[in-house]
PDB file of N, CA and C in Angstrom:
ATOM      1  N   UNK A   1      25.530  12.198  23.716  1.00  0.00           N
ATOM      2  CA  UNK A   1      26.521  12.261  24.784  1.00  0.00           C
ATOM      3  C   UNK A   1      26.001  13.214  25.859  1.00  0.00           C
ATOM      4  N   UNK A   2      26.045  12.766  27.109  1.00  0.00           N
ATOM      5  CA  UNK A   2      25.586  13.596  28.222  1.00  0.00           C
ATOM      6  C   UNK A   2      26.608  14.672  28.546  1.00  0.00           C
ATOM      7  N   UNK A   3      26.103  15.809  28.998  1.00  0.00           N
ATOM      8  CA  UNK A   3      26.962  16.914  29.409  1.00  0.00           C
ATOM      9  C   UNK A   3      26.853  17.059  30.923  1.00  0.00           C
ATOM     10  N   UNK A   4      27.934  16.755  31.615  1.00  0.00           N
ATOM     11  CA  UNK A   4      27.965  16.807  33.074  1.00  0.00           C
ATOM     12  C   UNK A   4      28.725  18.018  33.601  1.00  0.00           C
ATOM     13  N   UNK A   5      28.996  18.980  32.739  1.00  0.00           N
ATOM     14  CA  UNK A   5      29.813  20.115  33.155  1.00  0.00           C
ATOM     15  C   UNK A   5      29.243  20.818  34.385  1.00  0.00           C
ATOM     16  N   UNK A   6      27.966  21.162  34.380  1.00  0.00           N
ATOM     17  CA  UNK A   6      27.383  21.936  35.488  1.00  0.00           C
ATOM     18  C   UNK A   6      27.519  21.213  36.832  1.00  0.00           C
ATOM     19  N   UNK A   7      27.037  19.962  36.960  1.00  0.00           N
ATOM     20  CA  UNK A   7      27.188  19.297  38.260  1.00  0.00           C
ATOM     21  C   UNK A   7      28.647  19.015  38.617  1.00  0.00           C
ATOM     22  N   UNK A   8      29.480  18.736  37.596  1.00  0.00           N
ATOM     23  CA  UNK A   8      30.894  18.480  37.877  1.00  0.00           C
ATOM     24  C   UNK A   8      31.586  19.717  38.420  1.00  0.00           C
ATOM     25  N   UNK A   9      31.260  20.869  37.842  1.00  0.00           N
ATOM     26  CA  UNK A   9      31.897  22.103  38.300  1.00  0.00           C
ATOM     27  C   UNK A   9      31.558  22.366  39.762  1.00  0.00           C
ATOM     28  N   UNK A  10      30.294  22.247  40.095  1.00  0.00           N
ATOM     29  CA  UNK A  10      29.881  22.482  41.490  1.00  0.00           C
ATOM     30  C   UNK A  10      30.534  21.449  42.421  1.00  0.00           C
ATOM     31  N   UNK A  11      30.528  20.190  41.993  1.00  0.00           N
ATOM     32  CA  UNK A  11      31.129  19.126  42.794  1.00  0.00           C
ATOM     33  C   UNK A  11      32.613  19.390  43.048  1.00  0.00           C
ATOM     34  N   UNK A  12      33.350  19.709  41.991  1.00  0.00           N
ATOM     35  CA  UNK A  12      34.786  19.939  42.124  1.00  0.00           C
ATOM     36  C   UNK A  12      35.087  21.170  42.968  1.00  0.00           C
ATOM     37  N   UNK A  13      34.298  22.222  42.774  1.00  0.00           N
ATOM     38  CA  UNK A  13      34.504  23.452  43.547  1.00  0.00           C
ATOM     39  C   UNK A  13      34.287  23.185  45.032  1.00  0.00           C
ATOM     40  N   UNK A  14      33.170  22.524  45.353  1.00  0.00           N
ATOM     41  CA  UNK A  14      32.867  22.237  46.756  1.00  0.00           C
ATOM     42  C   UNK A  14      33.869  21.249  47.349  1.00  0.00           C
ATOM     43  N   UNK A  15      34.282  20.270  46.551  1.00  0.00           N
ATOM     44  CA  UNK A  15      35.268  19.281  47.019  1.00  0.00           C
ATOM     45  C   UNK A  15      36.565  19.968  47.423  1.00  0.00           C
ATOM     46  N   UNK A  16      36.932  21.026  46.687  1.00  0.00           N
ATOM     47  CA  UNK A  16      38.150  21.783  46.997  1.00  0.00           C
ATOM     48  C   UNK A  16      37.923  22.863  48.047  1.00  0.00           C
ATOM     49  N   UNK A  17      36.687  22.972  48.550  1.00  0.00           N
ATOM     50  CA  UNK A  17      36.386  23.962  49.576  1.00  0.00           C
ATOM     51  C   UNK A  17      36.387  25.394  49.063  1.00  0.00           C
ATOM     52  N   UNK A  18      36.087  25.556  47.782  1.00  0.00           N
ATOM     53  CA  UNK A  18      36.087  26.886  47.177  1.00  0.00           C
ATOM     54  C   UNK A  18      34.676  27.467  47.148  1.00  0.00           C
ATOM     55  N   UNK A  19      34.586  28.763  47.319  1.00  0.00           N
ATOM     56  CA  UNK A  19      33.335  29.477  47.095  1.00  0.00           C
ATOM     57  C   UNK A  19      33.299  29.863  45.624  1.00  0.00           C
ATOM     58  N   UNK A  20      32.117  30.215  45.140  1.00  0.00           N
ATOM     59  CA  UNK A  20      32.009  30.653  43.752  1.00  0.00           C
ATOM     60  C   UNK A  20      32.917  31.854  43.497  1.00  0.00           C
ATOM     61  N   UNK A  21      33.030  32.733  44.485  1.00  0.00           N
ATOM     62  CA  UNK A  21      33.896  33.910  44.349  1.00  0.00           C
ATOM     63  C   UNK A  21      35.357  33.502  44.147  1.00  0.00           C
ATOM     64  N   UNK A  22      35.773  32.473  44.901  1.00  0.00           N
ATOM     65  CA  UNK A  22      37.157  31.988  44.798  1.00  0.00           C
ATOM     66  C   UNK A  22      37.436  31.453  43.396  1.00  0.00           C
ATOM     67  N   UNK A  23      36.517  30.645  42.895  1.00  0.00           N
ATOM     68  CA  UNK A  23      36.706  30.073  41.572  1.00  0.00           C
ATOM     69  C   UNK A  23      36.658  31.152  40.492  1.00  0.00           C
ATOM     70  N   UNK A  24      35.799  32.136  40.694  1.00  0.00           N
ATOM     71  CA  UNK A  24      35.709  33.244  39.736  1.00  0.00           C
ATOM     72  C   UNK A  24      37.063  33.952  39.614  1.00  0.00           C
ATOM     73  N   UNK A  25      37.732  34.163  40.726  1.00  0.00           N
ATOM     74  CA  UNK A  25      39.050  34.810  40.697  1.00  0.00           C
ATOM     75  C   UNK A  25      40.075  33.934  39.969  1.00  0.00           C
ATOM     76  N   UNK A  26      39.991  32.643  40.203  1.00  0.00           N
ATOM     77  CA  UNK A  26      40.941  31.718  39.585  1.00  0.00           C
ATOM     78  C   UNK A  26      40.830  31.749  38.057  1.00  0.00           C
ATOM     79  N   UNK A  27      39.597  31.775  37.549  1.00  0.00           N
ATOM     80  CA  UNK A  27      39.420  31.746  36.092  1.00  0.00           C
ATOM     81  C   UNK A  27      39.227  33.137  35.495  1.00  0.00           C
ATOM     82  N   UNK A  28      39.254  34.164  36.341  1.00  0.00           N
ATOM     83  CA  UNK A  28      39.142  35.537  35.845  1.00  0.00           C
ATOM     84  C   UNK A  28      37.757  35.894  35.344  1.00  0.00           C
ATOM     85  N   UNK A  29      36.742  35.398  36.025  1.00  0.00           N
ATOM     86  CA  UNK A  29      35.355  35.654  35.629  1.00  0.00           C
ATOM     87  C   UNK A  29      34.578  36.203  36.830  1.00  0.00           C
ATOM     88  N   UNK A  30      33.347  36.595  36.580  1.00  0.00           N
ATOM     89  CA  UNK A  30      32.464  37.097  37.621  1.00  0.00           C
ATOM     90  C   UNK A  30      31.801  35.930  38.355  1.00  0.00           C
ATOM     91  N   UNK A  31      31.547  36.094  39.645  1.00  0.00           N
ATOM     92  CA  UNK A  31      30.916  35.049  40.442  1.00  0.00           C
ATOM     93  C   UNK A  31      29.568  34.634  39.860  1.00  0.00           C
ATOM     94  N   UNK A  32      28.821  35.594  39.332  1.00  0.00           N
ATOM     95  CA  UNK A  32      27.499  35.263  38.792  1.00  0.00           C
ATOM     96  C   UNK A  32      27.608  34.334  37.582  1.00  0.00           C
ATOM     97  N   UNK A  33      28.692  34.433  36.826  1.00  0.00           N
ATOM     98  CA  UNK A  33      28.892  33.528  35.698  1.00  0.00           C
ATOM     99  C   UNK A  33      29.149  32.107  36.198  1.00  0.00           C
ATOM    100  N   UNK A  34      29.927  31.995  37.268  1.00  0.00           N
ATOM    101  CA  UNK A  34      30.182  30.671  37.864  1.00  0.00           C
ATOM    102  C   UNK A  34      28.849  30.055  38.291  1.00  0.00           C
ATOM    103  N   UNK A  35      27.994  30.857  38.931  1.00  0.00           N
ATOM    104  CA  UNK A  35      26.683  30.372  39.366  1.00  0.00           C
ATOM    105  C   UNK A  35      25.850  29.909  38.175  1.00  0.00           C
ATOM    106  N   UNK A  36      25.870  30.661  37.092  1.00  0.00           N
ATOM    107  CA  UNK A  36      25.106  30.270  35.901  1.00  0.00           C
ATOM    108  C   UNK A  36      25.668  29.002  35.277  1.00  0.00           C
ATOM    109  N   UNK A  37      26.992  28.840  35.285  1.00  0.00           N
ATOM    110  CA  UNK A  37      27.580  27.593  34.795  1.00  0.00           C
ATOM    111  C   UNK A  37      27.090  26.414  35.627  1.00  0.00           C
ATOM    112  N   UNK A  38      27.091  26.594  36.953  1.00  0.00           N
ATOM    113  CA  UNK A  38      26.744  25.491  37.847  1.00  0.00           C
ATOM    114  C   UNK A  38      25.285  25.072  37.750  1.00  0.00           C
ATOM    115  N   UNK A  39      24.408  25.980  37.386  1.00  0.00           N
ATOM    116  CA  UNK A  39      22.995  25.591  37.245  1.00  0.00           C
ATOM    117  C   UNK A  39      22.638  25.281  35.793  1.00  0.00           C
ATOM    118  N   UNK A  40      23.609  25.399  34.923  1.00  0.00           N
ATOM    119  CA  UNK A  40      23.408  25.032  33.532  1.00  0.00           C
ATOM    120  C   UNK A  40      22.722  26.089  32.686  1.00  0.00           C
ATOM    121  N   UNK A  41      22.683  27.328  33.169  1.00  0.00           N
ATOM    122  CA  UNK A  41      22.052  28.410  32.408  1.00  0.00           C
ATOM    123  C   UNK A  41      22.994  29.043  31.394  1.00  0.00           C
ATOM    124  N   UNK A  42      24.254  28.703  31.469  1.00  0.00           N
ATOM    125  CA  UNK A  42      25.236  29.327  30.580  1.00  0.00           C
ATOM    126  C   UNK A  42      26.317  28.309  30.270  1.00  0.00           C
ATOM    127  N   UNK A  43      26.765  28.302  29.036  1.00  0.00           N
ATOM    128  CA  UNK A  43      27.844  27.408  28.610  1.00  0.00           C
ATOM    129  C   UNK A  43      29.185  28.121  28.773  1.00  0.00           C
ATOM    130  N   UNK A  44      30.189  27.378  29.156  1.00  0.00           N
ATOM    131  CA  UNK A  44      31.539  27.924  29.271  1.00  0.00           C
ATOM    132  C   UNK A  44      32.216  27.883  27.906  1.00  0.00           C
ATOM    133  N   UNK A  45      33.114  28.813  27.683  1.00  0.00           N
ATOM    134  CA  UNK A  45      33.891  28.805  26.437  1.00  0.00           C
ATOM    135  C   UNK A  45      34.951  27.706  26.529  1.00  0.00           C
ATOM    136  N   UNK A  46      35.520  27.365  25.413  1.00  0.00           N
ATOM    137  CA  UNK A  46      36.587  26.361  25.393  1.00  0.00           C
ATOM    138  C   UNK A  46      37.761  26.831  26.252  1.00  0.00           C
ATOM    139  N   UNK A  47      38.095  28.113  26.176  1.00  0.00           N
ATOM    140  CA  UNK A  47      39.193  28.648  26.991  1.00  0.00           C
ATOM    141  C   UNK A  47      38.881  28.498  28.481  1.00  0.00           C
ATOM    142  N   UNK A  48      37.646  28.800  28.865  1.00  0.00           N
ATOM    143  CA  UNK A  48      37.263  28.656  30.273  1.00  0.00           C
ATOM    144  C   UNK A  48      37.290  27.196  30.701  1.00  0.00           C
ATOM    145  N   UNK A  49      36.806  26.304  29.848  1.00  0.00           N
ATOM    146  CA  UNK A  49      36.838  24.877  30.158  1.00  0.00           C
ATOM    147  C   UNK A  49      38.272  24.390  30.348  1.00  0.00           C
ATOM    148  N   UNK A  50      39.171  24.887  29.525  1.00  0.00           N
ATOM    149  CA  UNK A  50      40.580  24.493  29.644  1.00  0.00           C
ATOM    150  C   UNK A  50      41.177  25.005  30.960  1.00  0.00           C
ATOM    151  N   UNK A  51      40.844  26.235  31.352  1.00  0.00           N
ATOM    152  CA  UNK A  51      41.340  26.769  32.628  1.00  0.00           C
ATOM    153  C   UNK A  51      40.830  25.928  33.788  1.00  0.00           C
ATOM    154  N   UNK A  52      39.552  25.586  33.736  1.00  0.00           N
ATOM    155  CA  UNK A  52      38.964  24.777  34.812  1.00  0.00           C
ATOM    156  C   UNK A  52      39.570  23.381  34.835  1.00  0.00           C
ATOM    157  N   UNK A  53      39.743  22.805  33.672  1.00  0.00           N
ATOM    158  CA  UNK A  53      40.355  21.486  33.567  1.00  0.00           C
ATOM    159  C   UNK A  53      41.759  21.490  34.158  1.00  0.00           C
ATOM    160  N   UNK A  54      42.522  22.513  33.832  1.00  0.00           N
ATOM    161  CA  UNK A  54      43.878  22.637  34.378  1.00  0.00           C
ATOM    162  C   UNK A  54      43.849  22.844  35.890  1.00  0.00           C
ATOM    163  N   UNK A  55      42.971  23.731  36.338  1.00  0.00           N
ATOM    164  CA  UNK A  55      42.922  24.027  37.771  1.00  0.00           C
ATOM    165  C   UNK A  55      42.581  22.781  38.585  1.00  0.00           C
ATOM    166  N   UNK A  56      41.575  22.041  38.150  1.00  0.00           N
ATOM    167  CA  UNK A  56      41.138  20.861  38.903  1.00  0.00           C
ATOM    168  C   UNK A  56      41.927  19.604  38.540  1.00  0.00           C
ATOM    169  N   UNK A  57      42.868  19.743  37.588  1.00  0.00           N
ATOM    170  CA  UNK A  57      43.689  18.619  37.154  1.00  0.00           C
ATOM    171  C   UNK A  57      42.821  17.445  36.686  1.00  0.00           C
ATOM    172  N   UNK A  58      41.833  17.789  35.858  1.00  0.00           N
ATOM    173  CA  UNK A  58      40.881  16.828  35.311  1.00  0.00           C
ATOM    174  C   UNK A  58      40.967  16.924  33.789  1.00  0.00           C
ATOM    175  N   UNK A  59      41.026  15.803  33.082  1.00  0.00           N
ATOM    176  CA  UNK A  59      40.997  15.898  31.620  1.00  0.00           C
ATOM    177  C   UNK A  59      39.734  16.632  31.153  1.00  0.00           C
ATOM    178  N   UNK A  60      39.885  17.479  30.174  1.00  0.00           N
ATOM    179  CA  UNK A  60      38.770  18.275  29.666  1.00  0.00           C
ATOM    180  C   UNK A  60      37.586  17.391  29.289  1.00  0.00           C
ATOM    181  N   UNK A  61      37.849  16.306  28.621  1.00  0.00           N
ATOM    182  CA  UNK A  61      36.789  15.375  28.224  1.00  0.00           C
ATOM    183  C   UNK A  61      36.015  14.873  29.436  1.00  0.00           C
ATOM    184  N   UNK A  62      36.724  14.519  30.519  1.00  0.00           N
ATOM    185  CA  UNK A  62      36.075  14.023  31.726  1.00  0.00           C
ATOM    186  C   UNK A  62      35.235  15.108  32.398  1.00  0.00           C
ATOM    187  N   UNK A  63      35.721  16.327  32.385  1.00  0.00           N
ATOM    188  CA  UNK A  63      34.996  17.446  32.987  1.00  0.00           C
ATOM    189  C   UNK A  63      33.610  17.591  32.367  1.00  0.00           C
ATOM    190  N   UNK A  64      33.518  17.280  31.099  1.00  0.00           N
ATOM    191  CA  UNK A  64      32.265  17.469  30.377  1.00  0.00           C
ATOM    192  C   UNK A  64      31.418  16.197  30.303  1.00  0.00           C
ATOM    193  N   UNK A  65      32.043  15.047  30.087  1.00  0.00           N
ATOM    194  CA  UNK A  65      31.279  13.847  29.732  1.00  0.00           C
ATOM    195  C   UNK A  65      31.133  12.789  30.825  1.00  0.00           C
ATOM    196  N   UNK A  66      31.861  12.905  31.918  1.00  0.00           N
ATOM    197  CA  UNK A  66      31.747  11.918  32.994  1.00  0.00           C
ATOM    198  C   UNK A  66      31.083  12.555  34.205  1.00  0.00           C
ATOM    199  N   UNK A  67      30.260  11.785  34.889  1.00  0.00           N
ATOM    200  CA  UNK A  67      29.693  12.265  36.150  1.00  0.00           C
ATOM    201  C   UNK A  67      30.740  11.992  37.231  1.00  0.00           C
ATOM    202  N   UNK A  68      31.505  13.012  37.543  1.00  0.00           N
ATOM    203  CA  UNK A  68      32.621  12.849  38.478  1.00  0.00           C
ATOM    204  C   UNK A  68      32.159  12.545  39.896  1.00  0.00           C
ATOM    205  N   UNK A  69      30.914  12.865  40.198  1.00  0.00           N
ATOM    206  CA  UNK A  69      30.382  12.520  41.523  1.00  0.00           C
ATOM    207  C   UNK A  69      30.328  11.019  41.679  1.00  0.00           C
ATOM    208  N   UNK A  70      29.967  10.306  40.628  1.00  0.00           N
ATOM    209  CA  UNK A  70      29.928   8.840  40.667  1.00  0.00           C
ATOM    210  C   UNK A  70      31.322   8.259  40.708  1.00  0.00           C
ATOM    211  N   UNK A  71      32.232   8.868  39.960  1.00  0.00           N
ATOM    212  CA  UNK A  71      33.624   8.414  39.974  1.00  0.00           C
ATOM    213  C   UNK A  71      34.196   8.526  41.384  1.00  0.00           C
ATOM    214  N   UNK A  72      33.842   9.597  42.074  1.00  0.00           N
ATOM    215  CA  UNK A  72      34.315   9.797  43.444  1.00  0.00           C
ATOM    216  C   UNK A  72      33.782   8.699  44.350  1.00  0.00           C
ATOM    217  N   UNK A  73      32.496   8.360  44.187  1.00  0.00           N
ATOM    218  CA  UNK A  73      31.905   7.286  44.989  1.00  0.00           C
ATOM    219  C   UNK A  73      32.600   5.965  44.716  1.00  0.00           C
ATOM    220  N   UNK A  74      32.907   5.691  43.439  1.00  0.00           N
ATOM    221  CA  UNK A  74      33.593   4.448  43.098  1.00  0.00           C
ATOM    222  C   UNK A  74      34.951   4.383  43.780  1.00  0.00           C
ATOM    223  N   UNK A  75      35.680   5.497  43.788  1.00  0.00           N
ATOM    224  CA  UNK A  75      36.995   5.528  44.431  1.00  0.00           C
ATOM    225  C   UNK A  75      36.860   5.274  45.924  1.00  0.00           C
ATOM    226  N   UNK A  76      35.840   5.861  46.551  1.00  0.00           N
ATOM    227  CA  UNK A  76      35.626   5.638  47.979  1.00  0.00           C
ATOM    228  C   UNK A  76      35.305   4.174  48.257  1.00  0.00           C
ATOM    229  N   UNK A  77      34.481   3.549  47.400  1.00  0.00           N
ATOM    230  CA  UNK A  77      34.139   2.155  47.607  1.00  0.00           C
ATOM    231  C   UNK A  77      35.341   1.254  47.402  1.00  0.00           C
ATOM    232  N   UNK A  78      36.186   1.554  46.452  1.00  0.00           N
ATOM    233  CA  UNK A  78      37.341   0.695  46.240  1.00  0.00           C
ATOM    234  C   UNK A  78      38.281   0.746  47.444  1.00  0.00           C
ATOM    235  N   UNK A  79      38.411   1.912  48.057  1.00  0.00           N
ATOM    236  CA  UNK A  79      39.224   2.029  49.260  1.00  0.00           C
ATOM    237  C   UNK A  79      38.578   1.245  50.400  1.00  0.00           C
ATOM    238  N   UNK A  80      37.250   1.365  50.529  1.00  0.00           N
ATOM    239  CA  UNK A  80      36.522   0.634  51.559  1.00  0.00           C
ATOM    240  C   UNK A  80      36.657  -0.870  51.341  1.00  0.00           C
ATOM    241  N   UNK A  81      36.456  -1.307  50.103  1.00  0.00           N
ATOM    242  CA  UNK A  81      36.575  -2.730  49.795  1.00  0.00           C
ATOM    243  C   UNK A  81      37.962  -3.257  50.143  1.00  0.00           C
ATOM    244  N   UNK A  82      38.968  -2.506  49.746  1.00  0.00           N
ATOM    245  CA  UNK A  82      40.347  -2.927  50.014  1.00  0.00           C
ATOM    246  C   UNK A  82      40.591  -3.045  51.519  1.00  0.00           C
ATOM    247  N   UNK A  83      40.086  -2.086  52.271  1.00  0.00           N
ATOM    248  CA  UNK A  83      40.252  -2.105  53.725  1.00  0.00           C
ATOM    249  C   UNK A  83      39.526  -3.299  54.336  1.00  0.00           C
ATOM    250  N   UNK A  84      38.288  -3.521  53.901  1.00  0.00           N
ATOM    251  CA  UNK A  84      37.521  -4.647  54.439  1.00  0.00           C
ATOM    252  C   UNK A  84      38.193  -5.981  54.143  1.00  0.00           C
ATOM    253  N   UNK A  85      38.644  -6.147  52.908  1.00  0.00           N
ATOM    254  CA  UNK A  85      39.278  -7.414  52.541  1.00  0.00           C
ATOM    255  C   UNK A  85      40.596  -7.627  53.270  1.00  0.00           C
ATOM    256  N   UNK A  86      41.358  -6.565  53.454  1.00  0.00           N
ATOM    257  CA  UNK A  86      42.635  -6.735  54.147  1.00  0.00           C
ATOM    258  C   UNK A  86      42.414  -7.072  55.626  1.00  0.00           C
ATOM    259  N   UNK A  87      41.395  -6.466  56.218  1.00  0.00           N
ATOM    260  CA  UNK A  87      41.096  -6.760  57.632  1.00  0.00           C
ATOM    261  C   UNK A  87      40.484  -8.143  57.797  1.00  0.00           C
ATOM    262  N   UNK A  88      39.717  -8.580  56.797  1.00  0.00           N
ATOM    263  CA  UNK A  88      39.056  -9.885  56.883  1.00  0.00           C
ATOM    264  C   UNK A  88      40.072 -11.010  57.003  1.00  0.00           C
ATOM    265  N   UNK A  89      41.234 -10.830  56.416  1.00  0.00           N
ATOM    266  CA  UNK A  89      42.276 -11.864  56.483  1.00  0.00           C
ATOM    267  C   UNK A  89      42.734 -12.120  57.917  1.00  0.00           C
ATOM    268  N   UNK A  90      42.563 -11.112  58.762  1.00  0.00           N
ATOM    269  CA  UNK A  90      43.038 -11.216  60.142  1.00  0.00           C
ATOM    270  C   UNK A  90      42.009 -11.865  61.080  1.00  0.00           C
ATOM    271  N   UNK A  91      40.791 -12.062  60.591  1.00  0.00           N
ATOM    272  CA  UNK A  91      39.719 -12.578  61.445  1.00  0.00           C
ATOM    273  C   UNK A  91      39.747 -14.102  61.537  1.00  0.00           C
ATOM    274  N   UNK A  92      39.272 -14.604  62.675  1.00  0.00           N
ATOM    275  CA  UNK A  92      39.081 -16.045  62.812  1.00  0.00           C
ATOM    276  C   UNK A  92      37.813 -16.426  62.046  1.00  0.00           C
ATOM    277  N   UNK A  93      37.592 -17.726  61.876  1.00  0.00           N
ATOM    278  CA  UNK A  93      36.387 -18.173  61.174  1.00  0.00           C
ATOM    279  C   UNK A  93      35.120 -17.736  61.912  1.00  0.00           C
ATOM    280  N   UNK A  94      35.122 -17.811  63.224  1.00  0.00           N
ATOM    281  CA  UNK A  94      33.956 -17.390  64.009  1.00  0.00           C
ATOM    282  C   UNK A  94      33.711 -15.883  63.864  1.00  0.00           C
ATOM    283  N   UNK A  95      34.780 -15.110  63.854  1.00  0.00           N
ATOM    284  CA  UNK A  95      34.642 -13.664  63.669  1.00  0.00           C
ATOM    285  C   UNK A  95      34.097 -13.336  62.278  1.00  0.00           C
ATOM    286  N   UNK A  96      34.556 -14.073  61.275  1.00  0.00           N
ATOM    287  CA  UNK A  96      34.054 -13.870  59.913  1.00  0.00           C
ATOM    288  C   UNK A  96      32.560 -14.166  59.844  1.00  0.00           C
ATOM    289  N   UNK A  97      32.125 -15.252  60.496  1.00  0.00           N
ATOM    290  CA  UNK A  97      30.689 -15.596  60.515  1.00  0.00           C
ATOM    291  C   UNK A  97      29.885 -14.491  61.200  1.00  0.00           C
ATOM    292  N   UNK A  98      30.423 -13.927  62.261  1.00  0.00           N
ATOM    293  CA  UNK A  98      29.728 -12.848  62.971  1.00  0.00           C
ATOM    294  C   UNK A  98      29.603 -11.607  62.092  1.00  0.00           C
ATOM    295  N   UNK A  99      30.652 -11.296  61.371  1.00  0.00           N
ATOM    296  CA  UNK A  99      30.626 -10.138  60.462  1.00  0.00           C
ATOM    297  C   UNK A  99      29.594 -10.361  59.363  1.00  0.00           C
ATOM    298  N   UNK A 100      29.558 -11.555  58.804  1.00  0.00           N
ATOM    299  CA  UNK A 100      28.597 -11.863  57.746  1.00  0.00           C
ATOM    300  C   UNK A 100      27.171 -11.750  58.273  1.00  0.00           C
ATOM    301  N   UNK A 101      26.930 -12.213  59.476  1.00  0.00           N
ATOM    302  CA  UNK A 101      25.605 -12.109  60.084  1.00  0.00           C
ATOM    303  C   UNK A 101      25.196 -10.642  60.222  1.00  0.00           C
ATOM    304  N   UNK A 102      26.103  -9.817  60.706  1.00  0.00           N
ATOM    305  CA  UNK A 102      25.820  -8.385  60.860  1.00  0.00           C
ATOM    306  C   UNK A 102      25.582  -7.737  59.498  1.00  0.00           C
ATOM    307  N   UNK A 103      26.414  -8.053  58.523  1.00  0.00           N
ATOM    308  CA  UNK A 103      26.255  -7.468  57.188  1.00  0.00           C
ATOM    309  C   UNK A 103      24.927  -7.880  56.557  1.00  0.00           C
ATOM    310  N   UNK A 104      24.535  -9.125  56.732  1.00  0.00           N
ATOM    311  CA  UNK A 104      23.245  -9.581  56.198  1.00  0.00           C
ATOM    312  C   UNK A 104      22.089  -8.849  56.868  1.00  0.00           C
ATOM    313  N   UNK A 105      22.192  -8.619  58.167  1.00  0.00           N
ATOM    314  CA  UNK A 105      21.140  -7.886  58.890  1.00  0.00           C
ATOM    315  C   UNK A 105      21.052  -6.438  58.399  1.00  0.00           C
ATOM    316  N   UNK A 106      22.190  -5.826  58.176  1.00  0.00           N
ATOM    317  CA  UNK A 106      22.213  -4.444  57.665  1.00  0.00           C
ATOM    318  C   UNK A 106      21.599  -4.400  56.274  1.00  0.00           C
ATOM    319  N   UNK A 107      21.980  -5.333  55.403  1.00  0.00           N
ATOM    320  CA  UNK A 107      21.426  -5.367  54.046  1.00  0.00           C
ATOM    321  C   UNK A 107      19.914  -5.563  54.090  1.00  0.00           C
ATOM    322  N   UNK A 108      19.454  -6.455  54.941  1.00  0.00           N
ATOM    323  CA  UNK A 108      18.009  -6.710  55.065  1.00  0.00           C
ATOM    324  C   UNK A 108      17.289  -5.438  55.513  1.00  0.00           C
ATOM    325  N   UNK A 109      17.876  -4.720  56.466  1.00  0.00           N
ATOM    326  CA  UNK A 109      17.283  -3.471  56.952  1.00  0.00           C
ATOM    327  C   UNK A 109      17.229  -2.423  55.836  1.00  0.00           C
ATOM    328  N   UNK A 110      18.304  -2.323  55.073  1.00  0.00           N
ATOM    329  CA  UNK A 110      18.339  -1.362  53.945  1.00  0.00           C
ATOM    330  C   UNK A 110      17.288  -1.737  52.909  1.00  0.00           C
ATOM    331  N   UNK A 111      17.218  -3.013  52.567  1.00  0.00           N
ATOM    332  CA  UNK A 111      16.231  -3.473  51.578  1.00  0.00           C
ATOM    333  C   UNK A 111      14.798  -3.203  52.034  1.00  0.00           C
ATOM    334  N   UNK A 112      14.547  -3.363  53.327  1.00  0.00           N
ATOM    335  CA  UNK A 112      13.195  -3.116  53.868  1.00  0.00           C
ATOM    336  C   UNK A 112      12.829  -1.629  53.819  1.00  0.00           C
ATOM    337  N   UNK A 113      13.819  -0.750  53.876  1.00  0.00           N
ATOM    338  CA  UNK A 113      13.552   0.685  53.845  1.00  0.00           C
ATOM    339  C   UNK A 113      13.292   1.191  52.437  1.00  0.00           C
ATOM    340  N   UNK A 114      13.680   0.385  51.433  1.00  0.00           N
ATOM    341  CA  UNK A 114      13.472   0.798  50.035  1.00  0.00           C
ATOM    342  C   UNK A 114      12.065   0.656  49.668  1.00  0.00           C
TER     343      UNK A 114
END
């Protein structure tokens, strides 16, 4: 089982606009410990993991075992997909063809850069 605690902690802290000092105050620890957690040099205790889980409103299991950065991307894409599909219903057939042409050109450009 992969351990994603270190990258998840940094991701969640930055997502909330917190500095390491801010998070240290929230969990009652030293800023340097937060830094060591984020780079994976130190493991958090179960009590600390529970405090962080509660603070970020994330299930403890997810904090440790899921790459929350990817989950965030998935949520952003689902919102984008929903928006695109809802707007597509309003387009004429010619407008839809134009959008598809543009999207194909963008995909081709992205593929060529890989």
